[in-house]
Amino acid sequence: MVRRQTLKKIGGSVATVLPKTMLDRFHLDAGDDVYVVETSEGLLITPYDPDFADAMAAYARGAKRFRNALRELAR
């Protein structure tokens, strides 16, 4: 879904309002954190922390590689 949003000045900052349908679809509410990521195509606003996603990918690689050792440690 592509939506055109207008930026509005609020005090010394600039903001936009996300429509309720988007908030509901991504399970977002007032006060939730979102991340603005600069990409080669522009800005990406996401509720997912890219650093956390990288950390989880590193964990998945390690868990697969050391699966037997982790199983033994769990005993």
C-alpha atoms as a PDB file:
ATOM      1  CA  MET A   1       0.000   0.000   0.000  1.00  0.00           C
ATOM      2  CA  VAL A   2       1.351   3.400  -0.952  1.00  0.00           C
ATOM      3  CA  ARG A   3      -0.097   6.464   0.716  1.00  0.00           C
ATOM      4  CA  ARG A   4       0.773  10.072   0.265  1.00  0.00           C
ATOM      5  CA  GLN A   5       1.275  11.780   3.625  1.00  0.00           C
ATOM      6  CA  THR A   6       1.764  15.483   4.276  1.00  0.00           C
ATOM      7  CA  LEU A   7       4.415  16.631   6.743  1.00  0.00           C
ATOM      8  CA  LYS A   8       3.182  19.202   9.251  1.00  0.00           C
ATOM      9  CA  LYS A   9       5.118  21.515  11.544  1.00  0.00           C
ATOM     10  CA  ILE A  10       4.405  20.831  15.215  1.00  0.00           C
ATOM     11  CA  GLY A  11       6.410  23.140  17.469  1.00  0.00           C
ATOM     12  CA  GLY A  12      10.039  22.829  16.434  1.00  0.00           C
ATOM     13  CA  SER A  13       9.502  19.405  14.818  1.00  0.00           C
ATOM     14  CA  VAL A  14       7.861  18.024  11.707  1.00  0.00           C
ATOM     15  CA  ALA A  15       5.418  15.101  11.863  1.00  0.00           C
ATOM     16  CA  THR A  16       2.863  13.158   9.887  1.00  0.00           C
ATOM     17  CA  VAL A  17      -0.240  11.271  10.972  1.00  0.00           C
ATOM     18  CA  LEU A  18      -0.603   7.581  10.160  1.00  0.00           C
ATOM     19  CA  PRO A  19      -4.133   6.477   9.314  1.00  0.00           C
ATOM     20  CA  LYS A  20      -5.926   4.121  11.701  1.00  0.00           C
ATOM     21  CA  THR A  21      -6.097   1.382   9.054  1.00  0.00           C
ATOM     22  CA  MET A  22      -2.282   1.288   8.861  1.00  0.00           C
ATOM     23  CA  LEU A  23      -1.919   1.387  12.644  1.00  0.00           C
ATOM     24  CA  ASP A  24      -4.334  -1.529  12.989  1.00  0.00           C
ATOM     25  CA  ARG A  25      -2.675  -3.556  10.243  1.00  0.00           C
ATOM     26  CA  PHE A  26       0.779  -3.230  11.819  1.00  0.00           C
ATOM     27  CA  HIS A  27      -0.482  -3.458  15.418  1.00  0.00           C
ATOM     28  CA  LEU A  28       0.815   0.011  16.308  1.00  0.00           C
ATOM     29  CA  ASP A  29      -0.508   2.411  18.902  1.00  0.00           C
ATOM     30  CA  ALA A  30       0.381   5.821  20.300  1.00  0.00           C
ATOM     31  CA  GLY A  31       3.701   5.666  22.126  1.00  0.00           C
ATOM     32  CA  ASP A  32       5.061   2.686  20.163  1.00  0.00           C
ATOM     33  CA  ASP A  33       8.534   2.951  18.664  1.00  0.00           C
ATOM     34  CA  VAL A  34       9.063   2.860  14.916  1.00  0.00           C
ATOM     35  CA  TYR A  35      12.366   3.011  13.076  1.00  0.00           C
ATOM     36  CA  VAL A  36      13.180   5.256  10.140  1.00  0.00           C
ATOM     37  CA  VAL A  37      15.768   3.584   7.914  1.00  0.00           C
ATOM     38  CA  GLU A  38      17.492   5.368   5.049  1.00  0.00           C
ATOM     39  CA  THR A  39      17.582   3.106   1.974  1.00  0.00           C
ATOM     40  CA  SER A  40      18.808   3.620  -1.569  1.00  0.00           C
ATOM     41  CA  GLU A  41      15.178   4.231  -2.579  1.00  0.00           C
ATOM     42  CA  GLY A  42      14.291   6.673   0.205  1.00  0.00           C
ATOM     43  CA  LEU A  43      13.031   6.336   3.761  1.00  0.00           C
ATOM     44  CA  LEU A  44      11.531   3.189   5.242  1.00  0.00           C
ATOM     45  CA  ILE A  45       9.369   3.480   8.362  1.00  0.00           C
ATOM     46  CA  THR A  46       9.136   0.144  10.119  1.00  0.00           C
ATOM     47  CA  PRO A  47       8.093  -1.172  13.528  1.00  0.00           C
ATOM     48  CA  TYR A  48      10.944  -3.684  13.303  1.00  0.00           C
ATOM     49  CA  ASP A  49      14.348  -2.783  14.745  1.00  0.00           C
ATOM     50  CA  PRO A  50      16.900  -3.623  12.007  1.00  0.00           C
ATOM     51  CA  ASP A  51      19.671  -4.090  14.606  1.00  0.00           C
ATOM     52  CA  PHE A  52      17.520  -6.627  16.450  1.00  0.00           C
ATOM     53  CA  ALA A  53      16.783  -8.431  13.178  1.00  0.00           C
ATOM     54  CA  ASP A  54      20.538  -8.613  12.455  1.00  0.00           C
ATOM     55  CA  ALA A  55      21.187  -9.974  15.958  1.00  0.00           C
ATOM     56  CA  MET A  56      18.501 -12.631  15.531  1.00  0.00           C
ATOM     57  CA  ALA A  57      19.972 -13.659  12.173  1.00  0.00           C
ATOM     58  CA  ALA A  58      23.407 -14.029  13.816  1.00  0.00           C
ATOM     59  CA  TYR A  59      21.820 -16.107  16.594  1.00  0.00           C
ATOM     60  CA  ALA A  60      20.092 -18.346  14.049  1.00  0.00           C
ATOM     61  CA  ARG A  61      23.394 -18.983  12.259  1.00  0.00           C
ATOM     62  CA  GLY A  62      25.154 -19.790  15.546  1.00  0.00           C
ATOM     63  CA  ALA A  63      22.317 -21.968  16.822  1.00  0.00           C
ATOM     64  CA  LYS A  64      22.396 -24.004  13.629  1.00  0.00           C
ATOM     65  CA  ARG A  65      26.175 -24.335  13.621  1.00  0.00           C
ATOM     66  CA  PHE A  66      26.450 -25.265  17.317  1.00  0.00           C
ATOM     67  CA  ARG A  67      23.142 -27.135  17.603  1.00  0.00           C
ATOM     68  CA  ASN A  68      24.697 -30.235  19.201  1.00  0.00           C
ATOM     69  CA  ALA A  69      26.733 -28.253  21.734  1.00  0.00           C
ATOM     70  CA  LEU A  70      23.663 -26.215  22.721  1.00  0.00           C
ATOM     71  CA  ARG A  71      21.635 -29.421  23.134  1.00  0.00           C
ATOM     72  CA  GLU A  72      24.305 -30.825  25.466  1.00  0.00           C
ATOM     73  CA  LEU A  73      24.454 -27.607  27.471  1.00  0.00           C
ATOM     74  CA  ALA A  74      20.686 -27.684  27.896  1.00  0.00           C
ATOM     75  CA  ARG A  75      20.933 -31.096  29.605  1.00  0.00           C
END
